[in-house]
């Protein structure tokens, strides 16, 4: 099966633009696209990661968007929404057509890009997806395309499932620069901030990484192909 990775940017995206504004990371999953009474509507379910203040500010700001039609939060940091698109507004989801499959939930990064990985039996459908994105996004870069066996493609749950302790450990590590280069905090510092033992924090963090890091490494850190 053919699979490809894309890095996209379009200034009118309400999800990734706020990821940059508030320093949050958002995993999204397309639910529905339809047209009614001359307007186009898109729906997604998302999970937001970041510091508590960043996540709260992100969600509060999103809820103020005048083009937001529906909004629900089934659980903490998870929200579903429906947007009515303005004239000329673009969404990558609009070009995700028959014959394409999502390999992983799209990643909306604080670097102001969306990262998509899609698969298809037909290479031509992936090429068409790229052509459509290039025509309608501000930028659409194909990071790699390859024909890989199914066992080499990572298929996650719709949204990564983290326990509260795992999510807290991951957000703390991200907030204090544990993943920065050079590293600004070590496990001892993070454990002190969280008021837990180092071994406890290490366990929560590693379990969270095992669930989430494949999404990032598959689309960003993996050497480019094709």
N, C-alpha and C. Protein backbone atom coordinates (compact mmCIF):
# COMPACT_ATOMS: atom_id res chain seq x y z
N UNK A 1 0.84 -1.19 0.00
CA UNK A 1 0.00 0.00 0.00
C UNK A 1 0.88 1.25 0.00
N UNK A 2 0.47 2.26 -0.74
CA UNK A 2 1.21 3.51 -0.79
C UNK A 2 0.83 4.40 0.40
N UNK A 3 1.82 5.05 0.97
CA UNK A 3 1.55 6.02 2.03
C UNK A 3 2.45 7.22 1.83
N UNK A 4 1.97 8.37 2.29
CA UNK A 4 2.72 9.61 2.11
C UNK A 4 2.49 10.52 3.30
N UNK A 5 3.48 11.37 3.56
CA UNK A 5 3.42 12.34 4.65
C UNK A 5 3.45 13.75 4.08
N UNK A 6 2.64 14.61 4.69
CA UNK A 6 2.51 15.98 4.20
C UNK A 6 2.68 16.97 5.35
N UNK A 7 3.26 18.11 5.02
CA UNK A 7 3.31 19.25 5.95
C UNK A 7 2.58 20.41 5.29
N UNK A 8 1.52 20.88 5.94
CA UNK A 8 0.63 21.87 5.35
C UNK A 8 0.60 23.15 6.17
N UNK A 9 0.28 24.23 5.48
CA UNK A 9 0.05 25.50 6.16
C UNK A 9 -1.04 26.26 5.42
N UNK A 10 -2.03 26.75 6.18
CA UNK A 10 -2.99 27.70 5.62
C UNK A 10 -3.47 28.58 6.77
N UNK A 11 -3.35 29.87 6.54
CA UNK A 11 -3.52 30.84 7.62
C UNK A 11 -4.92 30.87 8.20
N UNK A 12 -5.93 30.39 7.43
CA UNK A 12 -7.30 30.50 7.91
C UNK A 12 -7.77 29.27 8.69
N UNK A 13 -6.89 28.35 9.02
CA UNK A 13 -7.29 27.17 9.80
C UNK A 13 -7.50 27.56 11.26
N UNK A 14 -8.68 27.38 11.81
CA UNK A 14 -8.94 27.79 13.19
C UNK A 14 -8.26 26.91 14.24
N UNK A 15 -7.82 25.72 13.84
CA UNK A 15 -7.21 24.80 14.79
C UNK A 15 -5.72 25.03 14.90
N UNK A 16 -5.01 24.98 13.78
CA UNK A 16 -3.55 25.10 13.83
C UNK A 16 -3.12 26.55 14.13
N UNK A 17 -3.90 27.53 13.71
CA UNK A 17 -3.53 28.92 14.01
C UNK A 17 -3.56 29.17 15.52
N UNK A 18 -4.48 28.54 16.21
CA UNK A 18 -4.54 28.68 17.67
C UNK A 18 -3.48 27.82 18.36
N UNK A 19 -3.08 26.72 17.71
CA UNK A 19 -1.98 25.93 18.26
C UNK A 19 -0.72 26.79 18.35
N UNK A 20 -0.49 27.57 17.32
CA UNK A 20 0.66 28.47 17.33
C UNK A 20 0.45 29.59 18.36
N UNK A 21 -0.71 30.17 18.38
CA UNK A 21 -0.99 31.32 19.25
C UNK A 21 -0.82 30.97 20.72
N UNK A 22 -1.26 29.76 21.11
CA UNK A 22 -1.26 29.39 22.52
C UNK A 22 -0.21 28.34 22.88
N UNK A 23 0.64 27.96 21.92
CA UNK A 23 1.69 27.00 22.21
C UNK A 23 1.16 25.63 22.56
N UNK A 24 0.08 25.21 21.90
CA UNK A 24 -0.54 23.91 22.16
C UNK A 24 -0.29 22.97 20.99
N UNK A 25 -0.45 21.69 21.25
CA UNK A 25 -0.40 20.67 20.21
C UNK A 25 -1.76 19.99 20.15
N UNK A 26 -2.32 19.84 18.97
CA UNK A 26 -3.68 19.31 18.83
C UNK A 26 -3.69 18.16 17.83
N UNK A 27 -4.15 17.01 18.27
CA UNK A 27 -4.42 15.90 17.37
C UNK A 27 -5.89 15.99 16.96
N UNK A 28 -6.15 15.89 15.66
CA UNK A 28 -7.52 16.02 15.18
C UNK A 28 -7.90 14.80 14.35
N UNK A 29 -9.21 14.62 14.18
CA UNK A 29 -9.68 13.52 13.35
C UNK A 29 -10.94 13.98 12.62
N UNK A 30 -10.93 13.97 11.28
CA UNK A 30 -12.10 14.43 10.52
C UNK A 30 -13.30 13.53 10.75
N UNK A 31 -14.45 14.15 10.94
CA UNK A 31 -15.68 13.40 11.15
C UNK A 31 -16.64 13.52 9.98
N UNK A 32 -16.80 14.75 9.46
CA UNK A 32 -17.84 14.95 8.46
C UNK A 32 -17.56 16.22 7.68
N UNK A 33 -17.91 16.19 6.39
CA UNK A 33 -17.92 17.37 5.54
C UNK A 33 -19.19 17.32 4.72
N UNK A 34 -19.96 18.40 4.75
CA UNK A 34 -21.18 18.41 3.95
C UNK A 34 -21.56 19.84 3.60
N UNK A 35 -22.43 19.96 2.60
CA UNK A 35 -22.94 21.26 2.16
C UNK A 35 -24.43 21.33 2.40
N UNK A 36 -24.87 22.44 2.97
CA UNK A 36 -26.29 22.63 3.27
C UNK A 36 -26.63 24.10 3.08
N UNK A 37 -27.70 24.37 2.34
CA UNK A 37 -28.17 25.74 2.12
C UNK A 37 -27.05 26.66 1.61
N UNK A 38 -26.21 26.11 0.74
CA UNK A 38 -25.17 26.91 0.13
C UNK A 38 -23.93 27.11 0.97
N UNK A 39 -23.86 26.54 2.18
CA UNK A 39 -22.69 26.66 3.04
C UNK A 39 -22.05 25.29 3.24
N UNK A 40 -20.73 25.29 3.41
CA UNK A 40 -19.99 24.06 3.66
C UNK A 40 -19.65 23.98 5.14
N UNK A 41 -19.87 22.80 5.70
CA UNK A 41 -19.64 22.57 7.12
C UNK A 41 -18.62 21.44 7.29
N UNK A 42 -17.70 21.62 8.23
CA UNK A 42 -16.73 20.57 8.55
C UNK A 42 -16.81 20.27 10.05
N UNK A 43 -16.64 19.01 10.38
CA UNK A 43 -16.66 18.58 11.78
C UNK A 43 -15.42 17.74 12.07
N UNK A 44 -14.86 17.92 13.26
CA UNK A 44 -13.71 17.14 13.70
C UNK A 44 -13.84 16.87 15.20
N UNK A 45 -13.09 15.88 15.64
CA UNK A 45 -12.90 15.67 17.07
C UNK A 45 -11.41 15.84 17.35
N UNK A 46 -11.07 16.52 18.42
CA UNK A 46 -9.69 16.90 18.68
C UNK A 46 -9.32 16.64 20.14
N UNK A 47 -8.03 16.48 20.34
CA UNK A 47 -7.48 16.42 21.70
C UNK A 47 -6.32 17.39 21.77
N UNK A 48 -6.35 18.28 22.78
CA UNK A 48 -5.35 19.33 22.89
C UNK A 48 -4.38 19.00 24.01
N UNK A 49 -3.08 19.24 23.76
CA UNK A 49 -2.02 19.00 24.73
C UNK A 49 -1.26 20.30 24.94
N UNK A 50 -0.78 20.48 26.18
CA UNK A 50 -0.01 21.66 26.51
C UNK A 50 -0.15 21.96 27.99
N UNK A 51 0.36 23.12 28.42
CA UNK A 51 0.17 23.55 29.79
C UNK A 51 -1.29 23.81 30.07
N UNK A 52 -1.68 23.72 31.32
CA UNK A 52 -3.10 23.89 31.67
C UNK A 52 -3.63 25.24 31.21
N UNK A 53 -2.85 26.29 31.40
CA UNK A 53 -3.29 27.62 30.99
C UNK A 53 -3.41 27.72 29.48
N UNK A 54 -2.45 27.12 28.77
CA UNK A 54 -2.48 27.15 27.31
C UNK A 54 -3.71 26.42 26.77
N UNK A 55 -4.01 25.26 27.34
CA UNK A 55 -5.16 24.49 26.88
C UNK A 55 -6.46 25.24 27.14
N UNK A 56 -6.57 25.83 28.33
CA UNK A 56 -7.78 26.58 28.67
C UNK A 56 -7.96 27.78 27.75
N UNK A 57 -6.88 28.53 27.53
CA UNK A 57 -6.95 29.70 26.65
C UNK A 57 -7.30 29.29 25.22
N UNK A 58 -6.74 28.17 24.79
CA UNK A 58 -7.02 27.67 23.44
C UNK A 58 -8.52 27.42 23.27
N UNK A 59 -9.08 26.67 24.20
CA UNK A 59 -10.49 26.28 24.08
C UNK A 59 -11.42 27.48 24.23
N UNK A 60 -11.11 28.36 25.16
CA UNK A 60 -11.95 29.55 25.34
C UNK A 60 -11.93 30.42 24.09
N UNK A 61 -10.76 30.57 23.48
CA UNK A 61 -10.65 31.39 22.28
C UNK A 61 -11.39 30.74 21.11
N UNK A 62 -11.26 29.42 20.98
CA UNK A 62 -11.95 28.71 19.90
C UNK A 62 -13.46 28.89 20.02
N UNK A 63 -13.97 28.85 21.24
CA UNK A 63 -15.41 28.94 21.44
C UNK A 63 -15.96 30.33 21.10
N UNK A 64 -15.08 31.31 21.00
CA UNK A 64 -15.50 32.67 20.63
C UNK A 64 -15.58 32.86 19.12
N UNK A 65 -15.06 31.90 18.35
CA UNK A 65 -15.04 32.05 16.90
C UNK A 65 -16.47 32.12 16.37
N UNK A 66 -16.77 33.15 15.62
CA UNK A 66 -18.15 33.36 15.18
C UNK A 66 -18.61 32.35 14.13
N UNK A 67 -17.68 31.58 13.57
CA UNK A 67 -18.06 30.58 12.58
C UNK A 67 -18.21 29.19 13.21
N UNK A 68 -18.06 29.12 14.53
CA UNK A 68 -18.28 27.86 15.23
C UNK A 68 -19.78 27.63 15.38
N UNK A 69 -20.27 26.51 14.85
CA UNK A 69 -21.70 26.20 14.89
C UNK A 69 -22.06 25.31 16.07
N UNK A 70 -21.22 24.32 16.32
CA UNK A 70 -21.49 23.36 17.39
C UNK A 70 -20.19 23.04 18.11
N UNK A 71 -20.32 22.78 19.39
CA UNK A 71 -19.12 22.48 20.19
C UNK A 71 -19.53 21.62 21.37
N UNK A 72 -18.79 20.53 21.58
CA UNK A 72 -19.02 19.66 22.74
C UNK A 72 -17.67 19.21 23.29
N UNK A 73 -17.61 19.01 24.61
CA UNK A 73 -16.42 18.46 25.26
C UNK A 73 -16.82 17.18 25.99
N UNK A 74 -16.65 16.02 25.34
CA UNK A 74 -17.03 14.76 25.98
C UNK A 74 -16.17 14.40 27.18
N UNK A 75 -14.94 14.92 27.22
CA UNK A 75 -14.06 14.72 28.36
C UNK A 75 -13.00 15.81 28.36
N UNK A 76 -12.24 15.88 29.44
CA UNK A 76 -11.25 16.94 29.58
C UNK A 76 -10.26 16.92 28.42
N UNK A 77 -10.04 18.09 27.82
CA UNK A 77 -9.07 18.30 26.74
C UNK A 77 -9.48 17.68 25.42
N UNK A 78 -10.66 17.10 25.35
CA UNK A 78 -11.18 16.53 24.10
C UNK A 78 -12.42 17.31 23.69
N UNK A 79 -12.46 17.74 22.44
CA UNK A 79 -13.63 18.49 21.99
C UNK A 79 -13.99 18.10 20.57
N UNK A 80 -15.27 18.17 20.29
CA UNK A 80 -15.80 17.99 18.95
C UNK A 80 -16.41 19.31 18.51
N UNK A 81 -16.26 19.63 17.23
CA UNK A 81 -16.79 20.91 16.78
C UNK A 81 -17.28 20.81 15.34
N UNK A 82 -18.11 21.78 14.99
CA UNK A 82 -18.53 21.96 13.60
C UNK A 82 -18.32 23.42 13.23
N UNK A 83 -17.69 23.66 12.09
CA UNK A 83 -17.44 25.01 11.59
C UNK A 83 -18.18 25.21 10.28
N UNK A 84 -18.73 26.40 10.11
CA UNK A 84 -19.23 26.82 8.80
C UNK A 84 -18.13 27.62 8.12
N UNK A 85 -17.74 27.16 6.94
CA UNK A 85 -16.62 27.80 6.26
C UNK A 85 -17.04 29.12 5.64
N UNK A 86 -16.19 30.09 5.78
CA UNK A 86 -16.40 31.38 5.15
C UNK A 86 -16.09 31.27 3.66
N UNK A 87 -16.49 32.25 2.90
CA UNK A 87 -16.21 32.25 1.48
C UNK A 87 -14.71 32.25 1.24
N UNK A 88 -14.22 31.24 0.53
CA UNK A 88 -12.80 31.16 0.23
C UNK A 88 -11.96 30.50 1.30
N UNK A 89 -12.55 30.17 2.44
CA UNK A 89 -11.78 29.52 3.50
C UNK A 89 -11.50 28.08 3.11
N UNK A 90 -10.31 27.60 3.47
CA UNK A 90 -9.88 26.27 3.07
C UNK A 90 -9.70 25.34 4.27
N UNK A 91 -9.88 24.06 4.00
CA UNK A 91 -9.65 23.01 4.99
C UNK A 91 -9.05 21.83 4.26
N UNK A 92 -7.96 21.28 4.77
CA UNK A 92 -7.37 20.10 4.12
C UNK A 92 -8.38 18.96 4.03
N UNK A 93 -9.24 18.89 5.01
CA UNK A 93 -10.25 17.84 5.06
C UNK A 93 -11.14 17.82 3.81
N UNK A 94 -11.31 18.97 3.18
CA UNK A 94 -12.16 19.06 1.99
C UNK A 94 -11.63 18.22 0.84
N UNK A 95 -10.33 17.93 0.85
CA UNK A 95 -9.69 17.25 -0.28
C UNK A 95 -9.30 15.81 0.05
N UNK A 96 -9.74 15.37 1.21
CA UNK A 96 -9.51 13.98 1.62
C UNK A 96 -10.62 13.14 1.01
N UNK A 97 -10.30 12.48 -0.11
CA UNK A 97 -11.33 11.90 -0.96
C UNK A 97 -11.45 10.39 -0.81
N UNK A 98 -12.42 9.83 -1.56
CA UNK A 98 -12.59 8.39 -1.62
C UNK A 98 -11.28 7.74 -2.06
N UNK A 99 -10.97 6.61 -1.48
CA UNK A 99 -9.75 5.90 -1.84
C UNK A 99 -8.56 6.26 -0.99
N UNK A 100 -8.72 7.25 -0.08
CA UNK A 100 -7.65 7.61 0.84
C UNK A 100 -8.01 7.16 2.25
N UNK A 101 -7.00 6.79 3.00
CA UNK A 101 -7.18 6.39 4.40
C UNK A 101 -6.21 7.16 5.27
N UNK A 102 -6.64 7.51 6.46
CA UNK A 102 -5.75 8.16 7.42
C UNK A 102 -4.91 7.11 8.12
N UNK A 103 -3.61 7.30 8.11
CA UNK A 103 -2.72 6.41 8.84
C UNK A 103 -2.67 6.79 10.32
N UNK A 104 -2.81 8.07 10.60
CA UNK A 104 -2.77 8.57 11.97
C UNK A 104 -3.55 9.88 12.02
N UNK A 105 -4.04 10.27 13.19
CA UNK A 105 -4.74 11.55 13.29
C UNK A 105 -3.83 12.70 12.89
N UNK A 106 -4.30 13.63 12.08
CA UNK A 106 -3.49 14.79 11.73
C UNK A 106 -3.02 15.54 12.97
N UNK A 107 -1.79 16.01 12.90
CA UNK A 107 -1.16 16.74 14.00
C UNK A 107 -1.13 18.22 13.68
N UNK A 108 -1.71 19.04 14.56
CA UNK A 108 -1.66 20.49 14.43
C UNK A 108 -0.60 20.99 15.40
N UNK A 109 0.50 21.51 14.86
CA UNK A 109 1.69 21.80 15.65
C UNK A 109 1.81 23.29 15.97
N UNK A 110 2.46 23.61 17.09
CA UNK A 110 2.75 25.01 17.39
C UNK A 110 3.68 25.66 16.37
N UNK A 111 4.30 24.87 15.49
CA UNK A 111 5.13 25.46 14.44
C UNK A 111 4.29 26.00 13.28
N UNK A 112 2.94 25.99 13.47
CA UNK A 112 1.98 26.55 12.52
C UNK A 112 1.80 25.68 11.28
N UNK A 113 2.03 24.37 11.43
CA UNK A 113 1.82 23.43 10.34
C UNK A 113 0.91 22.29 10.79
N UNK A 114 0.20 21.74 9.82
CA UNK A 114 -0.51 20.49 10.00
C UNK A 114 0.33 19.38 9.39
N UNK A 115 0.39 18.23 10.07
CA UNK A 115 1.10 17.07 9.55
C UNK A 115 0.09 15.95 9.31
N UNK A 116 -0.02 15.54 8.07
CA UNK A 116 -0.96 14.48 7.67
C UNK A 116 -0.17 13.29 7.15
N UNK A 117 -0.67 12.09 7.43
CA UNK A 117 -0.14 10.90 6.78
C UNK A 117 -1.32 10.09 6.28
N UNK A 118 -1.31 9.83 4.98
CA UNK A 118 -2.42 9.14 4.34
C UNK A 118 -1.91 7.92 3.60
N UNK A 119 -2.82 7.01 3.30
CA UNK A 119 -2.46 5.80 2.56
C UNK A 119 -3.52 5.51 1.51
N UNK A 120 -3.13 4.77 0.48
CA UNK A 120 -4.06 4.36 -0.56
C UNK A 120 -3.46 3.20 -1.33
N UNK A 121 -4.35 2.37 -1.88
CA UNK A 121 -3.88 1.32 -2.78
C UNK A 121 -3.40 1.93 -4.09
N UNK A 122 -3.90 3.14 -4.40
CA UNK A 122 -3.64 3.78 -5.68
C UNK A 122 -2.74 5.00 -5.46
N UNK A 123 -1.52 4.94 -5.95
CA UNK A 123 -0.58 6.05 -5.81
C UNK A 123 -1.14 7.33 -6.42
N UNK A 124 -1.92 7.19 -7.50
CA UNK A 124 -2.48 8.35 -8.17
C UNK A 124 -3.41 9.16 -7.28
N UNK A 125 -4.11 8.49 -6.37
CA UNK A 125 -5.01 9.21 -5.47
C UNK A 125 -4.22 10.06 -4.48
N UNK A 126 -3.07 9.56 -4.07
CA UNK A 126 -2.22 10.35 -3.18
C UNK A 126 -1.65 11.55 -3.93
N UNK A 127 -1.26 11.35 -5.17
CA UNK A 127 -0.76 12.45 -5.98
C UNK A 127 -1.85 13.51 -6.18
N UNK A 128 -3.07 13.06 -6.40
CA UNK A 128 -4.17 14.02 -6.57
C UNK A 128 -4.41 14.80 -5.29
N UNK A 129 -4.33 14.12 -4.14
CA UNK A 129 -4.48 14.79 -2.85
C UNK A 129 -3.43 15.89 -2.72
N UNK A 130 -2.19 15.56 -3.10
CA UNK A 130 -1.12 16.55 -3.05
C UNK A 130 -1.39 17.71 -4.01
N UNK A 131 -1.86 17.40 -5.20
CA UNK A 131 -2.17 18.46 -6.17
C UNK A 131 -3.27 19.38 -5.65
N UNK A 132 -4.31 18.80 -5.06
CA UNK A 132 -5.41 19.60 -4.53
C UNK A 132 -4.93 20.49 -3.38
N UNK A 133 -4.12 19.91 -2.49
CA UNK A 133 -3.60 20.69 -1.38
C UNK A 133 -2.71 21.83 -1.88
N UNK A 134 -1.87 21.53 -2.86
CA UNK A 134 -0.97 22.55 -3.40
C UNK A 134 -1.74 23.71 -4.02
N UNK A 135 -2.91 23.39 -4.59
CA UNK A 135 -3.72 24.42 -5.25
C UNK A 135 -4.50 25.27 -4.25
N UNK A 136 -4.74 24.74 -3.06
CA UNK A 136 -5.66 25.42 -2.15
C UNK A 136 -5.04 25.83 -0.81
N UNK A 137 -3.93 25.23 -0.41
CA UNK A 137 -3.27 25.61 0.82
C UNK A 137 -2.24 26.70 0.56
N UNK A 138 -1.82 27.40 1.60
CA UNK A 138 -0.72 28.36 1.44
C UNK A 138 0.58 27.64 1.09
N UNK A 139 0.77 26.45 1.67
CA UNK A 139 1.89 25.59 1.30
C UNK A 139 1.50 24.15 1.58
N UNK A 140 2.00 23.24 0.75
CA UNK A 140 1.70 21.81 0.91
C UNK A 140 2.92 21.03 0.44
N UNK A 141 3.70 20.57 1.39
CA UNK A 141 4.95 19.87 1.08
C UNK A 141 4.79 18.38 1.33
N UNK A 142 5.11 17.57 0.33
CA UNK A 142 5.12 16.12 0.52
C UNK A 142 6.47 15.74 1.10
N UNK A 143 6.47 15.23 2.33
CA UNK A 143 7.71 14.90 3.00
C UNK A 143 8.28 13.55 2.58
N UNK A 144 7.42 12.71 2.01
CA UNK A 144 7.89 11.40 1.57
C UNK A 144 6.73 10.57 1.08
N UNK A 145 7.00 9.68 0.14
CA UNK A 145 5.99 8.74 -0.34
C UNK A 145 6.68 7.41 -0.59
N UNK A 146 6.03 6.32 -0.21
CA UNK A 146 6.66 5.01 -0.37
C UNK A 146 5.58 3.94 -0.42
N UNK A 147 5.92 2.83 -1.04
CA UNK A 147 5.04 1.66 -1.08
C UNK A 147 5.51 0.71 0.01
N UNK A 148 4.73 0.61 1.09
CA UNK A 148 5.14 -0.19 2.24
C UNK A 148 4.10 -1.25 2.54
N UNK A 149 4.55 -2.34 3.09
CA UNK A 149 3.64 -3.39 3.50
C UNK A 149 2.84 -2.91 4.70
N UNK A 150 1.65 -3.49 4.86
CA UNK A 150 0.73 -3.03 5.89
C UNK A 150 1.33 -3.09 7.29
N UNK A 151 2.17 -4.07 7.54
CA UNK A 151 2.71 -4.21 8.90
C UNK A 151 3.64 -3.05 9.26
N UNK A 152 4.07 -2.26 8.27
CA UNK A 152 4.95 -1.13 8.54
C UNK A 152 4.21 0.18 8.70
N UNK A 153 2.88 0.13 8.62
CA UNK A 153 2.08 1.33 8.78
C UNK A 153 1.45 1.33 10.16
N UNK A 154 1.60 2.43 10.85
CA UNK A 154 1.10 2.54 12.22
C UNK A 154 -0.35 2.99 12.21
N UNK A 155 -1.25 2.19 12.77
CA UNK A 155 -2.66 2.54 12.87
C UNK A 155 -3.03 2.73 14.33
N UNK A 156 -3.16 4.00 14.77
CA UNK A 156 -3.50 4.27 16.16
C UNK A 156 -4.99 4.26 16.38
N UNK A 157 -5.41 4.41 17.64
CA UNK A 157 -6.79 4.70 17.93
C UNK A 157 -7.11 6.08 17.39
N UNK A 158 -8.41 6.41 17.31
CA UNK A 158 -8.80 7.72 16.82
C UNK A 158 -8.09 8.81 17.61
N UNK A 159 -8.05 8.68 18.93
CA UNK A 159 -7.31 9.61 19.77
C UNK A 159 -6.47 8.81 20.76
N UNK A 160 -5.24 9.20 20.98
CA UNK A 160 -4.41 8.50 21.96
C UNK A 160 -5.06 8.54 23.34
N UNK A 161 -5.09 7.42 24.01
CA UNK A 161 -5.71 7.33 25.32
C UNK A 161 -4.63 7.34 26.40
N UNK A 162 -4.60 8.42 27.16
CA UNK A 162 -3.64 8.57 28.24
C UNK A 162 -4.37 8.67 29.56
N UNK A 163 -3.78 8.08 30.58
CA UNK A 163 -4.33 8.26 31.92
C UNK A 163 -4.03 9.69 32.37
N UNK A 164 -4.75 10.21 33.37
CA UNK A 164 -4.46 11.57 33.85
C UNK A 164 -3.01 11.74 34.28
N UNK A 165 -2.43 10.73 34.92
CA UNK A 165 -1.03 10.82 35.35
C UNK A 165 -0.08 10.86 34.17
N UNK A 166 -0.37 10.07 33.13
CA UNK A 166 0.48 10.07 31.94
C UNK A 166 0.39 11.40 31.21
N UNK A 167 -0.81 11.93 31.08
CA UNK A 167 -0.98 13.21 30.40
C UNK A 167 -0.28 14.33 31.16
N UNK A 168 -0.41 14.33 32.49
CA UNK A 168 0.23 15.36 33.30
C UNK A 168 1.75 15.29 33.16
N UNK A 169 2.30 14.07 33.17
CA UNK A 169 3.75 13.91 33.05
C UNK A 169 4.24 14.40 31.69
N UNK A 170 3.51 14.09 30.63
CA UNK A 170 3.90 14.50 29.29
C UNK A 170 3.84 16.02 29.14
N UNK A 171 2.78 16.61 29.66
CA UNK A 171 2.63 18.06 29.54
C UNK A 171 3.69 18.78 30.37
N UNK A 172 4.00 18.23 31.53
CA UNK A 172 5.03 18.83 32.38
C UNK A 172 6.39 18.78 31.67
N UNK A 173 6.68 17.64 31.05
CA UNK A 173 7.96 17.49 30.33
C UNK A 173 8.05 18.47 29.17
N UNK A 174 6.96 18.62 28.44
CA UNK A 174 6.95 19.54 27.31
C UNK A 174 7.07 20.99 27.77
N UNK A 175 6.34 21.34 28.82
CA UNK A 175 6.32 22.71 29.32
C UNK A 175 7.68 23.15 29.83
N UNK A 176 8.43 22.26 30.47
CA UNK A 176 9.70 22.62 31.10
C UNK A 176 10.93 22.27 30.27
N UNK A 177 10.70 21.91 28.99
CA UNK A 177 11.83 21.74 28.09
C UNK A 177 12.55 20.41 28.18
N UNK A 178 11.88 19.38 28.65
CA UNK A 178 12.51 18.06 28.72
C UNK A 178 12.85 17.54 27.33
N UNK A 179 12.03 17.93 26.33
CA UNK A 179 12.26 17.46 24.97
C UNK A 179 13.01 18.48 24.12
N UNK A 180 13.43 19.58 24.72
CA UNK A 180 14.18 20.60 23.98
C UNK A 180 15.63 20.13 23.78
N UNK A 181 16.29 20.78 22.85
CA UNK A 181 17.72 20.52 22.64
C UNK A 181 18.45 21.86 22.64
N UNK A 182 19.35 22.08 23.60
CA UNK A 182 19.68 21.15 24.69
C UNK A 182 18.55 21.05 25.71
N UNK A 183 18.50 19.95 26.41
CA UNK A 183 17.43 19.67 27.38
C UNK A 183 17.50 20.67 28.54
N UNK A 184 16.35 21.29 28.85
CA UNK A 184 16.32 22.31 29.90
C UNK A 184 15.90 21.75 31.26
N UNK A 185 15.44 20.53 31.29
CA UNK A 185 15.02 19.92 32.56
C UNK A 185 15.26 18.42 32.49
N UNK A 186 15.65 17.83 33.64
CA UNK A 186 15.82 16.38 33.69
C UNK A 186 14.69 15.77 34.52
N UNK A 187 14.71 14.46 34.64
CA UNK A 187 13.64 13.78 35.37
C UNK A 187 13.59 14.19 36.83
N UNK A 188 14.74 14.43 37.42
CA UNK A 188 14.78 14.83 38.83
C UNK A 188 14.06 16.16 39.04
N UNK A 189 14.29 17.10 38.13
CA UNK A 189 13.63 18.41 38.23
C UNK A 189 12.12 18.27 38.04
N UNK A 190 11.72 17.48 37.05
CA UNK A 190 10.30 17.31 36.77
C UNK A 190 9.59 16.62 37.94
N UNK A 191 10.26 15.63 38.52
CA UNK A 191 9.67 14.92 39.66
C UNK A 191 9.49 15.86 40.85
N UNK A 192 10.45 16.75 41.05
CA UNK A 192 10.35 17.71 42.15
C UNK A 192 9.18 18.66 41.92
N UNK A 193 9.00 19.11 40.69
CA UNK A 193 7.89 20.00 40.38
C UNK A 193 6.55 19.29 40.58
N UNK A 194 6.49 18.03 40.17
CA UNK A 194 5.26 17.25 40.28
C UNK A 194 5.03 16.70 41.68
N UNK A 195 6.06 16.79 42.52
CA UNK A 195 5.99 16.28 43.88
C UNK A 195 5.73 14.76 43.91
N UNK A 196 6.46 14.05 43.04
CA UNK A 196 6.39 12.59 43.01
C UNK A 196 7.81 12.05 42.95
N UNK A 197 7.97 10.75 43.15
CA UNK A 197 9.27 10.12 43.04
C UNK A 197 9.72 10.09 41.59
N UNK A 198 11.03 10.10 41.39
CA UNK A 198 11.58 10.07 40.04
C UNK A 198 11.11 8.82 39.29
N UNK A 199 11.12 7.69 39.98
CA UNK A 199 10.71 6.43 39.33
C UNK A 199 9.25 6.49 38.89
N UNK A 200 8.42 7.15 39.68
CA UNK A 200 7.00 7.26 39.35
C UNK A 200 6.81 8.12 38.11
N UNK A 201 7.49 9.27 38.09
CA UNK A 201 7.38 10.16 36.93
C UNK A 201 7.92 9.47 35.68
N UNK A 202 9.05 8.78 35.83
CA UNK A 202 9.64 8.08 34.68
C UNK A 202 8.65 7.07 34.10
N UNK A 203 7.98 6.34 34.95
CA UNK A 203 7.02 5.33 34.49
C UNK A 203 5.86 5.97 33.73
N UNK A 204 5.29 7.05 34.30
CA UNK A 204 4.17 7.72 33.63
C UNK A 204 4.61 8.31 32.29
N UNK A 205 5.78 8.90 32.26
CA UNK A 205 6.27 9.55 31.05
C UNK A 205 6.55 8.53 29.96
N UNK A 206 7.18 7.44 30.32
CA UNK A 206 7.51 6.42 29.31
C UNK A 206 6.24 5.79 28.73
N UNK A 207 5.24 5.55 29.58
CA UNK A 207 3.99 4.98 29.08
C UNK A 207 3.29 5.95 28.13
N UNK A 208 3.33 7.24 28.47
CA UNK A 208 2.73 8.24 27.59
C UNK A 208 3.49 8.30 26.27
N UNK A 209 4.81 8.28 26.33
CA UNK A 209 5.63 8.33 25.11
C UNK A 209 5.35 7.13 24.22
N UNK A 210 5.17 5.96 24.82
CA UNK A 210 4.90 4.76 24.04
C UNK A 210 3.62 4.88 23.24
N UNK A 211 2.66 5.65 23.78
CA UNK A 211 1.38 5.82 23.09
C UNK A 211 1.42 6.95 22.05
N UNK A 212 2.17 8.01 22.35
CA UNK A 212 2.12 9.21 21.51
C UNK A 212 3.28 9.37 20.55
N UNK A 213 4.46 9.00 20.96
CA UNK A 213 5.62 9.30 20.13
C UNK A 213 5.58 8.67 18.74
N UNK A 214 4.99 7.47 18.57
CA UNK A 214 4.93 6.93 17.20
C UNK A 214 4.24 7.87 16.22
N UNK A 215 3.25 8.63 16.69
CA UNK A 215 2.57 9.56 15.81
C UNK A 215 3.52 10.62 15.29
N UNK A 216 4.44 11.06 16.15
CA UNK A 216 5.39 12.10 15.77
C UNK A 216 6.53 11.53 14.95
N UNK A 217 7.08 10.41 15.39
CA UNK A 217 8.24 9.86 14.70
C UNK A 217 7.89 9.36 13.31
N UNK A 218 6.67 8.84 13.14
CA UNK A 218 6.27 8.35 11.83
C UNK A 218 6.17 9.49 10.83
N UNK A 219 5.73 10.69 11.30
CA UNK A 219 5.45 11.76 10.35
C UNK A 219 6.51 12.84 10.31
N UNK A 220 7.31 12.98 11.37
CA UNK A 220 8.24 14.10 11.41
C UNK A 220 9.68 13.63 11.46
N UNK A 221 9.97 12.70 12.34
CA UNK A 221 11.36 12.33 12.59
C UNK A 221 11.89 11.25 11.66
N UNK A 222 11.00 10.50 11.01
CA UNK A 222 11.45 9.42 10.13
C UNK A 222 12.18 9.99 8.93
N UNK A 223 13.28 9.38 8.48
CA UNK A 223 13.97 9.85 7.28
C UNK A 223 13.03 9.92 6.09
N UNK A 224 13.20 10.91 5.26
CA UNK A 224 12.32 11.09 4.10
C UNK A 224 12.55 9.97 3.09
N UNK A 225 11.43 9.62 2.43
CA UNK A 225 11.49 8.54 1.44
C UNK A 225 10.93 9.05 0.13
N UNK A 226 11.30 8.36 -0.95
CA UNK A 226 10.70 8.64 -2.24
C UNK A 226 11.20 9.94 -2.84
